[in-house]
């Protein structure tokens, strides 16, 4: 096989990059769909959409194992069932350690 010119190599490399990007996107969508199916089995209706997005976004941002460790560190008295529909609005907001602002949404 004759040696490819630099221009031909570049065209081939760019085509390979596009194919890999398409394949990565296909795999990414499949993985997200698989995780989406897991969510259908969870009682997410107990959270507002904003709370759900914030919880998932923050867990993704810090990493799963860190988020799990932090949540497991919560004590039972610190986690209270809501007694009235307005209780969610009356809860105190505690700023996380390290100066992160948990109120800002994280968009992947």
PDB file of N, CA and C in Angstrom:
ATOM      1  N   UNK A   1       0.846  -1.177   0.000  1.00  0.00           N
ATOM      2  CA  UNK A   1       0.000   0.000   0.000  1.00  0.00           C
ATOM      3  C   UNK A   1       0.894   1.244   0.000  1.00  0.00           C
ATOM      4  N   UNK A   2       0.599   2.176  -0.884  1.00  0.00           N
ATOM      5  CA  UNK A   2       1.431   3.384  -0.943  1.00  0.00           C
ATOM      6  C   UNK A   2       1.246   4.240   0.310  1.00  0.00           C
ATOM      7  N   UNK A   3       2.277   4.964   0.632  1.00  0.00           N
ATOM      8  CA  UNK A   3       2.249   5.821   1.801  1.00  0.00           C
ATOM      9  C   UNK A   3       1.248   6.970   1.587  1.00  0.00           C
ATOM     10  N   UNK A   4       0.467   7.266   2.653  1.00  0.00           N
ATOM     11  CA  UNK A   4      -0.529   8.338   2.569  1.00  0.00           C
ATOM     12  C   UNK A   4       0.172   9.694   2.714  1.00  0.00           C
ATOM     13  N   UNK A   5      -0.366  10.660   2.020  1.00  0.00           N
ATOM     14  CA  UNK A   5       0.160  12.014   2.170  1.00  0.00           C
ATOM     15  C   UNK A   5      -0.340  12.582   3.501  1.00  0.00           C
ATOM     16  N   UNK A   6       0.249  13.675   3.939  1.00  0.00           N
ATOM     17  CA  UNK A   6      -0.177  14.320   5.187  1.00  0.00           C
ATOM     18  C   UNK A   6      -1.631  14.750   5.100  1.00  0.00           C
ATOM     19  N   UNK A   7      -2.024  15.224   3.945  1.00  0.00           N
ATOM     20  CA  UNK A   7      -3.405  15.666   3.752  1.00  0.00           C
ATOM     21  C   UNK A   7      -4.362  14.476   3.879  1.00  0.00           C
ATOM     22  N   UNK A   8      -4.028  13.335   3.266  1.00  0.00           N
ATOM     23  CA  UNK A   8      -4.863  12.135   3.353  1.00  0.00           C
ATOM     24  C   UNK A   8      -4.925  11.621   4.792  1.00  0.00           C
ATOM     25  N   UNK A   9      -3.793  11.660   5.499  1.00  0.00           N
ATOM     26  CA  UNK A   9      -3.772  11.235   6.904  1.00  0.00           C
ATOM     27  C   UNK A   9      -4.689  12.109   7.745  1.00  0.00           C
ATOM     28  N   UNK A  10      -4.623  13.419   7.486  1.00  0.00           N
ATOM     29  CA  UNK A  10      -5.452  14.355   8.234  1.00  0.00           C
ATOM     30  C   UNK A  10      -6.939  14.082   7.990  1.00  0.00           C
ATOM     31  N   UNK A  11      -7.320  13.851   6.741  1.00  0.00           N
ATOM     32  CA  UNK A  11      -8.719  13.551   6.401  1.00  0.00           C
ATOM     33  C   UNK A  11      -9.154  12.274   7.105  1.00  0.00           C
ATOM     34  N   UNK A  12      -8.305  11.248   7.105  1.00  0.00           N
ATOM     35  CA  UNK A  12      -8.640   9.987   7.762  1.00  0.00           C
ATOM     36  C   UNK A  12      -8.771  10.168   9.277  1.00  0.00           C
ATOM     37  N   UNK A  13      -7.860  10.909   9.871  1.00  0.00           N
ATOM     38  CA  UNK A  13      -7.899  11.143  11.315  1.00  0.00           C
ATOM     39  C   UNK A  13      -9.157  11.915  11.699  1.00  0.00           C
ATOM     40  N   UNK A  14      -9.504  12.931  10.919  1.00  0.00           N
ATOM     41  CA  UNK A  14     -10.717  13.705  11.206  1.00  0.00           C
ATOM     42  C   UNK A  14     -11.969  12.845  11.069  1.00  0.00           C
ATOM     43  N   UNK A  15     -12.006  11.974  10.073  1.00  0.00           N
ATOM     44  CA  UNK A  15     -13.145  11.069   9.906  1.00  0.00           C
ATOM     45  C   UNK A  15     -13.236  10.105  11.091  1.00  0.00           C
ATOM     46  N   UNK A  16     -12.081   9.603  11.534  1.00  0.00           N
ATOM     47  CA  UNK A  16     -12.058   8.707  12.697  1.00  0.00           C
ATOM     48  C   UNK A  16     -12.560   9.432  13.944  1.00  0.00           C
ATOM     49  N   UNK A  17     -12.151  10.688  14.113  1.00  0.00           N
ATOM     50  CA  UNK A  17     -12.606  11.465  15.262  1.00  0.00           C
ATOM     51  C   UNK A  17     -14.124  11.634  15.242  1.00  0.00           C
ATOM     52  N   UNK A  18     -14.679  11.929  14.094  1.00  0.00           N
ATOM     53  CA  UNK A  18     -16.133  12.099  13.988  1.00  0.00           C
ATOM     54  C   UNK A  18     -16.855  10.796  14.302  1.00  0.00           C
ATOM     55  N   UNK A  19     -16.333   9.678  13.797  1.00  0.00           N
ATOM     56  CA  UNK A  19     -16.950   8.383  14.069  1.00  0.00           C
ATOM     57  C   UNK A  19     -16.895   8.047  15.558  1.00  0.00           C
ATOM     58  N   UNK A  20     -15.747   8.319  16.190  1.00  0.00           N
ATOM     59  CA  UNK A  20     -15.615   8.052  17.621  1.00  0.00           C
ATOM     60  C   UNK A  20     -16.538   8.952  18.438  1.00  0.00           C
ATOM     61  N   UNK A  21     -16.679  10.205  18.025  1.00  0.00           N
ATOM     62  CA  UNK A  21     -17.576  11.124  18.731  1.00  0.00           C
ATOM     63  C   UNK A  21     -19.016  10.640  18.639  1.00  0.00           C
ATOM     64  N   UNK A  22     -19.426  10.163  17.460  1.00  0.00           N
ATOM     65  CA  UNK A  22     -20.785   9.628  17.299  1.00  0.00           C
ATOM     66  C   UNK A  22     -20.977   8.383  18.159  1.00  0.00           C
ATOM     67  N   UNK A  23     -19.990   7.520  18.168  1.00  0.00           N
ATOM     68  CA  UNK A  23     -20.083   6.299  18.973  1.00  0.00           C
ATOM     69  C   UNK A  23     -20.141   6.634  20.460  1.00  0.00           C
ATOM     70  N   UNK A  24     -19.329   7.587  20.903  1.00  0.00           N
ATOM     71  CA  UNK A  24     -19.339   8.002  22.309  1.00  0.00           C
ATOM     72  C   UNK A  24     -20.708   8.553  22.693  1.00  0.00           C
ATOM     73  N   UNK A  25     -21.306   9.347  21.820  1.00  0.00           N
ATOM     74  CA  UNK A  25     -22.618   9.918  22.104  1.00  0.00           C
ATOM     75  C   UNK A  25     -23.683   8.823  22.184  1.00  0.00           C
ATOM     76  N   UNK A  26     -23.602   7.834  21.324  1.00  0.00           N
ATOM     77  CA  UNK A  26     -24.547   6.716  21.357  1.00  0.00           C
ATOM     78  C   UNK A  26     -24.430   5.946  22.671  1.00  0.00           C
ATOM     79  N   UNK A  27     -23.205   5.670  23.079  1.00  0.00           N
ATOM     80  CA  UNK A  27     -22.981   4.951  24.339  1.00  0.00           C
ATOM     81  C   UNK A  27     -23.439   5.802  25.518  1.00  0.00           C
ATOM     82  N   UNK A  28     -23.149   7.103  25.488  1.00  0.00           N
ATOM     83  CA  UNK A  28     -23.550   8.021  26.557  1.00  0.00           C
ATOM     84  C   UNK A  28     -25.067   8.034  26.701  1.00  0.00           C
ATOM     85  N   UNK A  29     -25.782   8.127  25.594  1.00  0.00           N
ATOM     86  CA  UNK A  29     -27.251   8.134  25.649  1.00  0.00           C
ATOM     87  C   UNK A  29     -27.796   6.814  26.186  1.00  0.00           C
ATOM     88  N   UNK A  30     -27.186   5.713  25.794  1.00  0.00           N
ATOM     89  CA  UNK A  30     -27.618   4.407  26.297  1.00  0.00           C
ATOM     90  C   UNK A  30     -27.408   4.279  27.797  1.00  0.00           C
ATOM     91  N   UNK A  31     -26.273   4.751  28.273  1.00  0.00           N
ATOM     92  CA  UNK A  31     -25.985   4.700  29.703  1.00  0.00           C
ATOM     93  C   UNK A  31     -26.946   5.582  30.489  1.00  0.00           C
ATOM     94  N   UNK A  32     -27.211   6.770  29.969  1.00  0.00           N
ATOM     95  CA  UNK A  32     -28.157   7.666  30.635  1.00  0.00           C
ATOM     96  C   UNK A  32     -29.563   7.071  30.655  1.00  0.00           C
ATOM     97  N   UNK A  33     -29.951   6.402  29.588  1.00  0.00           N
ATOM     98  CA  UNK A  33     -31.267   5.747  29.551  1.00  0.00           C
ATOM     99  C   UNK A  33     -31.331   4.638  30.591  1.00  0.00           C
ATOM    100  N   UNK A  34     -30.244   3.893  30.729  1.00  0.00           N
ATOM    101  CA  UNK A  34     -30.187   2.814  31.724  1.00  0.00           C
ATOM    102  C   UNK A  34     -30.336   3.391  33.139  1.00  0.00           C
ATOM    103  N   UNK A  35     -29.649   4.490  33.430  1.00  0.00           N
ATOM    104  CA  UNK A  35     -29.769   5.135  34.739  1.00  0.00           C
ATOM    105  C   UNK A  35     -31.168   5.724  34.911  1.00  0.00           C
ATOM    106  N   UNK A  36     -31.742   6.231  33.844  1.00  0.00           N
ATOM    107  CA  UNK A  36     -33.099   6.765  33.903  1.00  0.00           C
ATOM    108  C   UNK A  36     -34.105   5.706  34.299  1.00  0.00           C
ATOM    109  N   UNK A  37     -33.912   4.490  33.825  1.00  0.00           N
ATOM    110  CA  UNK A  37     -34.809   3.389  34.196  1.00  0.00           C
ATOM    111  C   UNK A  37     -34.708   3.100  35.690  1.00  0.00           C
ATOM    112  N   UNK A  38     -33.508   3.241  36.265  1.00  0.00           N
ATOM    113  CA  UNK A  38     -33.342   3.015  37.700  1.00  0.00           C
ATOM    114  C   UNK A  38     -34.142   4.034  38.509  1.00  0.00           C
ATOM    115  N   UNK A  39     -34.212   5.257  38.016  1.00  0.00           N
ATOM    116  CA  UNK A  39     -34.918   6.322  38.727  1.00  0.00           C
ATOM    117  C   UNK A  39     -36.412   6.038  38.786  1.00  0.00           C
ATOM    118  N   UNK A  40     -36.952   5.344  37.799  1.00  0.00           N
ATOM    119  CA  UNK A  40     -38.392   5.053  37.808  1.00  0.00           C
ATOM    120  C   UNK A  40     -38.782   4.173  38.981  1.00  0.00           C
ATOM    121  N   UNK A  41     -37.823   3.494  39.588  1.00  0.00           N
ATOM    122  CA  UNK A  41     -38.102   2.625  40.726  1.00  0.00           C
ATOM    123  C   UNK A  41     -37.936   3.340  42.065  1.00  0.00           C
ATOM    124  N   UNK A  42     -37.513   4.612  42.037  1.00  0.00           N
ATOM    125  CA  UNK A  42     -37.275   5.362  43.268  1.00  0.00           C
ATOM    126  C   UNK A  42     -38.441   6.324  43.538  1.00  0.00           C
ATOM    127  N   UNK A  43     -38.718   6.608  44.810  1.00  0.00           N
ATOM    128  CA  UNK A  43     -39.828   7.519  45.145  1.00  0.00           C
ATOM    129  C   UNK A  43     -39.424   8.994  44.970  1.00  0.00           C
ATOM    130  N   UNK A  44     -39.091   9.373  43.763  1.00  0.00           N
ATOM    131  CA  UNK A  44     -38.618  10.732  43.498  1.00  0.00           C
ATOM    132  C   UNK A  44     -39.697  11.786  43.676  1.00  0.00           C
ATOM    133  N   UNK A  45     -40.946  11.373  43.729  1.00  0.00           N
ATOM    134  CA  UNK A  45     -42.031  12.345  43.884  1.00  0.00           C
ATOM    135  C   UNK A  45     -41.976  13.038  45.245  1.00  0.00           C
ATOM    136  N   UNK A  46     -41.152  12.545  46.154  1.00  0.00           N
ATOM    137  CA  UNK A  46     -40.987  13.180  47.456  1.00  0.00           C
ATOM    138  C   UNK A  46     -40.108  14.424  47.363  1.00  0.00           C
ATOM    139  N   UNK A  47     -39.436  14.599  46.244  1.00  0.00           N
ATOM    140  CA  UNK A  47     -38.577  15.760  46.021  1.00  0.00           C
ATOM    141  C   UNK A  47     -39.202  16.658  44.964  1.00  0.00           C
ATOM    142  N   UNK A  48     -38.910  17.939  45.063  1.00  0.00           N
ATOM    143  CA  UNK A  48     -39.310  18.813  43.968  1.00  0.00           C
ATOM    144  C   UNK A  48     -38.343  18.554  42.818  1.00  0.00           C
ATOM    145  N   UNK A  49     -38.697  19.011  41.638  1.00  0.00           N
ATOM    146  CA  UNK A  49     -37.809  18.815  40.493  1.00  0.00           C
ATOM    147  C   UNK A  49     -36.474  19.517  40.734  1.00  0.00           C
ATOM    148  N   UNK A  50     -36.530  20.693  41.325  1.00  0.00           N
ATOM    149  CA  UNK A  50     -35.296  21.429  41.597  1.00  0.00           C
ATOM    150  C   UNK A  50     -34.420  20.678  42.603  1.00  0.00           C
ATOM    151  N   UNK A  51     -35.034  20.157  43.673  1.00  0.00           N
ATOM    152  CA  UNK A  51     -34.275  19.390  44.666  1.00  0.00           C
ATOM    153  C   UNK A  51     -33.648  18.160  44.021  1.00  0.00           C
ATOM    154  N   UNK A  52     -34.414  17.476  43.194  1.00  0.00           N
ATOM    155  CA  UNK A  52     -33.906  16.287  42.518  1.00  0.00           C
ATOM    156  C   UNK A  52     -32.698  16.630  41.653  1.00  0.00           C
ATOM    157  N   UNK A  53     -32.832  17.673  40.839  1.00  0.00           N
ATOM    158  CA  UNK A  53     -31.720  18.102  39.978  1.00  0.00           C
ATOM    159  C   UNK A  53     -30.504  18.500  40.808  1.00  0.00           C
ATOM    160  N   UNK A  54     -30.738  19.240  41.896  1.00  0.00           N
ATOM    161  CA  UNK A  54     -29.628  19.676  42.740  1.00  0.00           C
ATOM    162  C   UNK A  54     -28.927  18.493  43.398  1.00  0.00           C
ATOM    163  N   UNK A  55     -29.699  17.559  43.936  1.00  0.00           N
ATOM    164  CA  UNK A  55     -29.110  16.388  44.592  1.00  0.00           C
ATOM    165  C   UNK A  55     -28.278  15.581  43.594  1.00  0.00           C
ATOM    166  N   UNK A  56     -28.847  15.287  42.456  1.00  0.00           N
ATOM    167  CA  UNK A  56     -28.130  14.503  41.447  1.00  0.00           C
ATOM    168  C   UNK A  56     -26.933  15.283  40.920  1.00  0.00           C
ATOM    169  N   UNK A  57     -27.124  16.564  40.634  1.00  0.00           N
ATOM    170  CA  UNK A  57     -26.025  17.389  40.126  1.00  0.00           C
ATOM    171  C   UNK A  57     -24.864  17.475  41.094  1.00  0.00           C
ATOM    172  N   UNK A  58     -25.172  17.680  42.373  1.00  0.00           N
ATOM    173  CA  UNK A  58     -24.104  17.760  43.368  1.00  0.00           C
ATOM    174  C   UNK A  58     -23.416  16.413  43.548  1.00  0.00           C
ATOM    175  N   UNK A  59     -24.182  15.326  43.523  1.00  0.00           N
ATOM    176  CA  UNK A  59     -23.587  13.992  43.655  1.00  0.00           C
ATOM    177  C   UNK A  59     -22.642  13.710  42.487  1.00  0.00           C
ATOM    178  N   UNK A  60     -23.034  14.102  41.291  1.00  0.00           N
ATOM    179  CA  UNK A  60     -22.185  13.906  40.118  1.00  0.00           C
ATOM    180  C   UNK A  60     -20.946  14.795  40.221  1.00  0.00           C
ATOM    181  N   UNK A  61     -21.138  16.033  40.680  1.00  0.00           N
ATOM    182  CA  UNK A  61     -20.029  16.984  40.775  1.00  0.00           C
ATOM    183  C   UNK A  61     -18.950  16.499  41.736  1.00  0.00           C
ATOM    184  N   UNK A  62     -19.351  16.029  42.926  1.00  0.00           N
ATOM    185  CA  UNK A  62     -18.351  15.619  43.921  1.00  0.00           C
ATOM    186  C   UNK A  62     -17.920  14.175  43.752  1.00  0.00           C
ATOM    187  N   UNK A  63     -18.703  13.386  43.048  1.00  0.00           N
ATOM    188  CA  UNK A  63     -18.390  11.971  42.871  1.00  0.00           C
ATOM    189  C   UNK A  63     -19.295  11.128  43.746  1.00  0.00           C
ATOM    190  N   UNK A  64     -19.642   9.986  43.245  1.00  0.00           N
ATOM    191  CA  UNK A  64     -20.603   9.119  43.927  1.00  0.00           C
ATOM    192  C   UNK A  64     -20.186   8.686  45.311  1.00  0.00           C
ATOM    193  N   UNK A  65     -18.943   8.243  45.483  1.00  0.00           N
ATOM    194  CA  UNK A  65     -18.528   7.733  46.786  1.00  0.00           C
ATOM    195  C   UNK A  65     -18.479   8.840  47.833  1.00  0.00           C
ATOM    196  N   UNK A  66     -18.063  10.047  47.444  1.00  0.00           N
ATOM    197  CA  UNK A  66     -18.043  11.180  48.379  1.00  0.00           C
ATOM    198  C   UNK A  66     -19.466  11.541  48.778  1.00  0.00           C
ATOM    199  N   UNK A  67     -20.375  11.576  47.811  1.00  0.00           N
ATOM    200  CA  UNK A  67     -21.765  11.917  48.095  1.00  0.00           C
ATOM    201  C   UNK A  67     -22.401  10.873  49.015  1.00  0.00           C
ATOM    202  N   UNK A  68     -22.135   9.618  48.766  1.00  0.00           N
ATOM    203  CA  UNK A  68     -22.690   8.553  49.614  1.00  0.00           C
ATOM    204  C   UNK A  68     -22.151   8.667  51.027  1.00  0.00           C
ATOM    205  N   UNK A  69     -20.850   8.914  51.167  1.00  0.00           N
ATOM    206  CA  UNK A  69     -20.255   9.072  52.500  1.00  0.00           C
ATOM    207  C   UNK A  69     -20.897  10.237  53.244  1.00  0.00           C
ATOM    208  N   UNK A  70     -21.104  11.345  52.555  1.00  0.00           N
ATOM    209  CA  UNK A  70     -21.714  12.510  53.184  1.00  0.00           C
ATOM    210  C   UNK A  70     -23.147  12.207  53.620  1.00  0.00           C
ATOM    211  N   UNK A  71     -23.902  11.543  52.786  1.00  0.00           N
ATOM    212  CA  UNK A  71     -25.293  11.227  53.127  1.00  0.00           C
ATOM    213  C   UNK A  71     -25.377  10.206  54.252  1.00  0.00           C
ATOM    214  N   UNK A  72     -24.479   9.240  54.259  1.00  0.00           N
ATOM    215  CA  UNK A  72     -24.476   8.254  55.338  1.00  0.00           C
ATOM    216  C   UNK A  72     -24.083   8.894  56.654  1.00  0.00           C
ATOM    217  N   UNK A  73     -23.343   9.993  56.593  1.00  0.00           N
ATOM    218  CA  UNK A  73     -22.936  10.702  57.800  1.00  0.00           C
ATOM    219  C   UNK A  73     -24.062  11.457  58.468  1.00  0.00           C
ATOM    220  N   UNK A  74     -25.181  11.623  57.789  1.00  0.00           N
ATOM    221  CA  UNK A  74     -26.327  12.307  58.396  1.00  0.00           C
ATOM    222  C   UNK A  74     -26.908  11.431  59.488  1.00  0.00           C
ATOM    223  N   UNK A  75     -27.262  12.036  60.614  1.00  0.00           N
ATOM    224  CA  UNK A  75     -27.846  11.274  61.704  1.00  0.00           C
ATOM    225  C   UNK A  75     -29.361  11.267  61.555  1.00  0.00           C
ATOM    226  N   UNK A  76     -30.003  10.303  62.168  1.00  0.00           N
ATOM    227  CA  UNK A  76     -31.454  10.176  62.084  1.00  0.00           C
ATOM    228  C   UNK A  76     -32.173  11.419  62.606  1.00  0.00           C
ATOM    229  N   UNK A  77     -31.746  12.042  63.732  1.00  0.00           N
ATOM    230  CA  UNK A  77     -32.434  13.261  64.172  1.00  0.00           C
ATOM    231  C   UNK A  77     -32.305  14.401  63.166  1.00  0.00           C
ATOM    232  N   UNK A  78     -31.244  14.432  62.384  1.00  0.00           N
ATOM    233  CA  UNK A  78     -31.058  15.488  61.395  1.00  0.00           C
ATOM    234  C   UNK A  78     -31.943  15.317  60.189  1.00  0.00           C
ATOM    235  N   UNK A  79     -32.471  14.123  59.998  1.00  0.00           N
ATOM    236  CA  UNK A  79     -33.340  13.837  58.859  1.00  0.00           C
ATOM    237  C   UNK A  79     -34.740  13.644  59.416  1.00  0.00           C
ATOM    238  N   UNK A  80     -35.602  14.640  59.209  1.00  0.00           N
ATOM    239  CA  UNK A  80     -36.942  14.592  59.762  1.00  0.00           C
ATOM    240  C   UNK A  80     -37.972  14.482  58.658  1.00  0.00           C
ATOM    241  N   UNK A  81     -39.026  13.740  58.960  1.00  0.00           N
ATOM    242  CA  UNK A  81     -40.136  13.652  58.007  1.00  0.00           C
ATOM    243  C   UNK A  81     -40.891  14.964  58.023  1.00  0.00           C
ATOM    244  N   UNK A  82     -41.390  15.367  56.880  1.00  0.00           N
ATOM    245  CA  UNK A  82     -42.149  16.603  56.794  1.00  0.00           C
ATOM    246  C   UNK A  82     -43.532  16.386  57.395  1.00  0.00           C
ATOM    247  N   UNK A  83     -43.920  17.277  58.312  1.00  0.00           N
ATOM    248  CA  UNK A  83     -45.210  17.115  58.966  1.00  0.00           C
ATOM    249  C   UNK A  83     -46.331  17.853  58.247  1.00  0.00           C
ATOM    250  N   UNK A  84     -45.988  18.855  57.470  1.00  0.00           N
ATOM    251  CA  UNK A  84     -47.016  19.597  56.748  1.00  0.00           C
ATOM    252  C   UNK A  84     -46.496  19.961  55.367  1.00  0.00           C
ATOM    253  N   UNK A  85     -47.409  20.287  54.434  1.00  0.00           N
ATOM    254  CA  UNK A  85     -46.967  20.647  53.087  1.00  0.00           C
ATOM    255  C   UNK A  85     -46.034  21.850  53.080  1.00  0.00           C
ATOM    256  N   UNK A  86     -46.161  22.772  54.040  1.00  0.00           N
ATOM    257  CA  UNK A  86     -45.318  23.960  54.080  1.00  0.00           C
ATOM    258  C   UNK A  86     -43.980  23.718  54.754  1.00  0.00           C
ATOM    259  N   UNK A  87     -43.761  22.544  55.323  1.00  0.00           N
ATOM    260  CA  UNK A  87     -42.527  22.264  56.049  1.00  0.00           C
ATOM    261  C   UNK A  87     -41.302  22.364  55.162  1.00  0.00           C
ATOM    262  N   UNK A  88     -41.446  22.034  53.900  1.00  0.00           N
ATOM    263  CA  UNK A  88     -40.298  22.089  52.997  1.00  0.00           C
ATOM    264  C   UNK A  88     -39.782  23.515  52.872  1.00  0.00           C
ATOM    265  N   UNK A  89     -40.661  24.491  52.939  1.00  0.00           N
ATOM    266  CA  UNK A  89     -40.251  25.888  52.813  1.00  0.00           C
ATOM    267  C   UNK A  89     -39.651  26.415  54.101  1.00  0.00           C
ATOM    268  N   UNK A  90     -39.947  25.768  55.227  1.00  0.00           N
ATOM    269  CA  UNK A  90     -39.487  26.251  56.519  1.00  0.00           C
ATOM    270  C   UNK A  90     -38.141  25.649  56.926  1.00  0.00           C
ATOM    271  N   UNK A  91     -37.651  24.651  56.186  1.00  0.00           N
ATOM    272  CA  UNK A  91     -36.388  24.016  56.547  1.00  0.00           C
ATOM    273  C   UNK A  91     -35.238  24.996  56.431  1.00  0.00           C
ATOM    274  N   UNK A  92     -34.292  24.892  57.345  1.00  0.00           N
ATOM    275  CA  UNK A  92     -33.106  25.752  57.294  1.00  0.00           C
ATOM    276  C   UNK A  92     -32.153  25.218  56.233  1.00  0.00           C
ATOM    277  N   UNK A  93     -31.481  26.137  55.571  1.00  0.00           N
ATOM    278  CA  UNK A  93     -30.496  25.758  54.576  1.00  0.00           C
ATOM    279  C   UNK A  93     -29.130  25.814  55.232  1.00  0.00           C
ATOM    280  N   UNK A  94     -28.394  24.709  55.202  1.00  0.00           N
ATOM    281  CA  UNK A  94     -27.068  24.640  55.801  1.00  0.00           C
ATOM    282  C   UNK A  94     -26.049  24.668  54.688  1.00  0.00           C
ATOM    283  N   UNK A  95     -25.128  25.633  54.742  1.00  0.00           N
ATOM    284  CA  UNK A  95     -24.093  25.733  53.714  1.00  0.00           C
ATOM    285  C   UNK A  95     -23.109  24.588  53.884  1.00  0.00           C
ATOM    286  N   UNK A  96     -22.708  23.920  52.778  1.00  0.00           N
ATOM    287  CA  UNK A  96     -21.767  22.814  52.874  1.00  0.00           C
ATOM    288  C   UNK A  96     -20.377  23.321  53.231  1.00  0.00           C
ATOM    289  N   UNK A  97     -19.575  22.449  53.798  1.00  0.00           N
ATOM    290  CA  UNK A  97     -18.195  22.795  54.135  1.00  0.00           C
ATOM    291  C   UNK A  97     -17.410  23.080  52.866  1.00  0.00           C
ATOM    292  N   UNK A  98     -16.426  23.930  52.962  1.00  0.00           N
ATOM    293  CA  UNK A  98     -15.587  24.215  51.818  1.00  0.00           C
ATOM    294  C   UNK A  98     -16.050  25.410  51.009  1.00  0.00           C
ATOM    295  N   UNK A  99     -17.122  26.063  51.444  1.00  0.00           N
ATOM    296  CA  UNK A  99     -17.561  27.273  50.776  1.00  0.00           C
ATOM    297  C   UNK A  99     -18.358  27.055  49.499  1.00  0.00           C
ATOM    298  N   UNK A 100     -18.722  25.824  49.183  1.00  0.00           N
ATOM    299  CA  UNK A 100     -19.531  25.589  47.981  1.00  0.00           C
ATOM    300  C   UNK A 100     -20.919  26.155  48.208  1.00  0.00           C
ATOM    301  N   UNK A 101     -21.522  26.668  47.182  1.00  0.00           N
ATOM    302  CA  UNK A 101     -22.878  27.180  47.269  1.00  0.00           C
ATOM    303  C   UNK A 101     -23.800  26.110  46.712  1.00  0.00           C
ATOM    304  N   UNK A 102     -24.449  25.375  47.582  1.00  0.00           N
ATOM    305  CA  UNK A 102     -25.294  24.259  47.162  1.00  0.00           C
ATOM    306  C   UNK A 102     -26.560  24.729  46.467  1.00  0.00           C
ATOM    307  N   UNK A 103     -26.870  26.020  46.540  1.00  0.00           N
ATOM    308  CA  UNK A 103     -28.095  26.507  45.918  1.00  0.00           C
ATOM    309  C   UNK A 103     -27.948  26.716  44.418  1.00  0.00           C
ATOM    310  N   UNK A 104     -26.732  26.705  43.921  1.00  0.00           N
ATOM    311  CA  UNK A 104     -26.553  26.880  42.479  1.00  0.00           C
ATOM    312  C   UNK A 104     -26.718  25.554  41.785  1.00  0.00           C
ATOM    313  N   UNK A 105     -27.425  25.577  40.696  1.00  0.00           N
ATOM    314  CA  UNK A 105     -27.676  24.348  39.940  1.00  0.00           C
ATOM    315  C   UNK A 105     -26.430  23.966  39.176  1.00  0.00           C
ATOM    316  N   UNK A 106     -26.214  22.660  39.076  1.00  0.00           N
ATOM    317  CA  UNK A 106     -25.091  22.134  38.309  1.00  0.00           C
ATOM    318  C   UNK A 106     -25.655  21.498  37.063  1.00  0.00           C
ATOM    319  N   UNK A 107     -25.232  21.957  35.922  1.00  0.00           N
ATOM    320  CA  UNK A 107     -25.714  21.417  34.655  1.00  0.00           C
ATOM    321  C   UNK A 107     -24.583  20.706  33.962  1.00  0.00           C
ATOM    322  N   UNK A 108     -24.686  19.348  33.818  1.00  0.00           N
ATOM    323  CA  UNK A 108     -23.600  18.599  33.169  1.00  0.00           C
ATOM    324  C   UNK A 108     -23.435  18.947  31.724  1.00  0.00           C
TER     325      UNK A 108
END
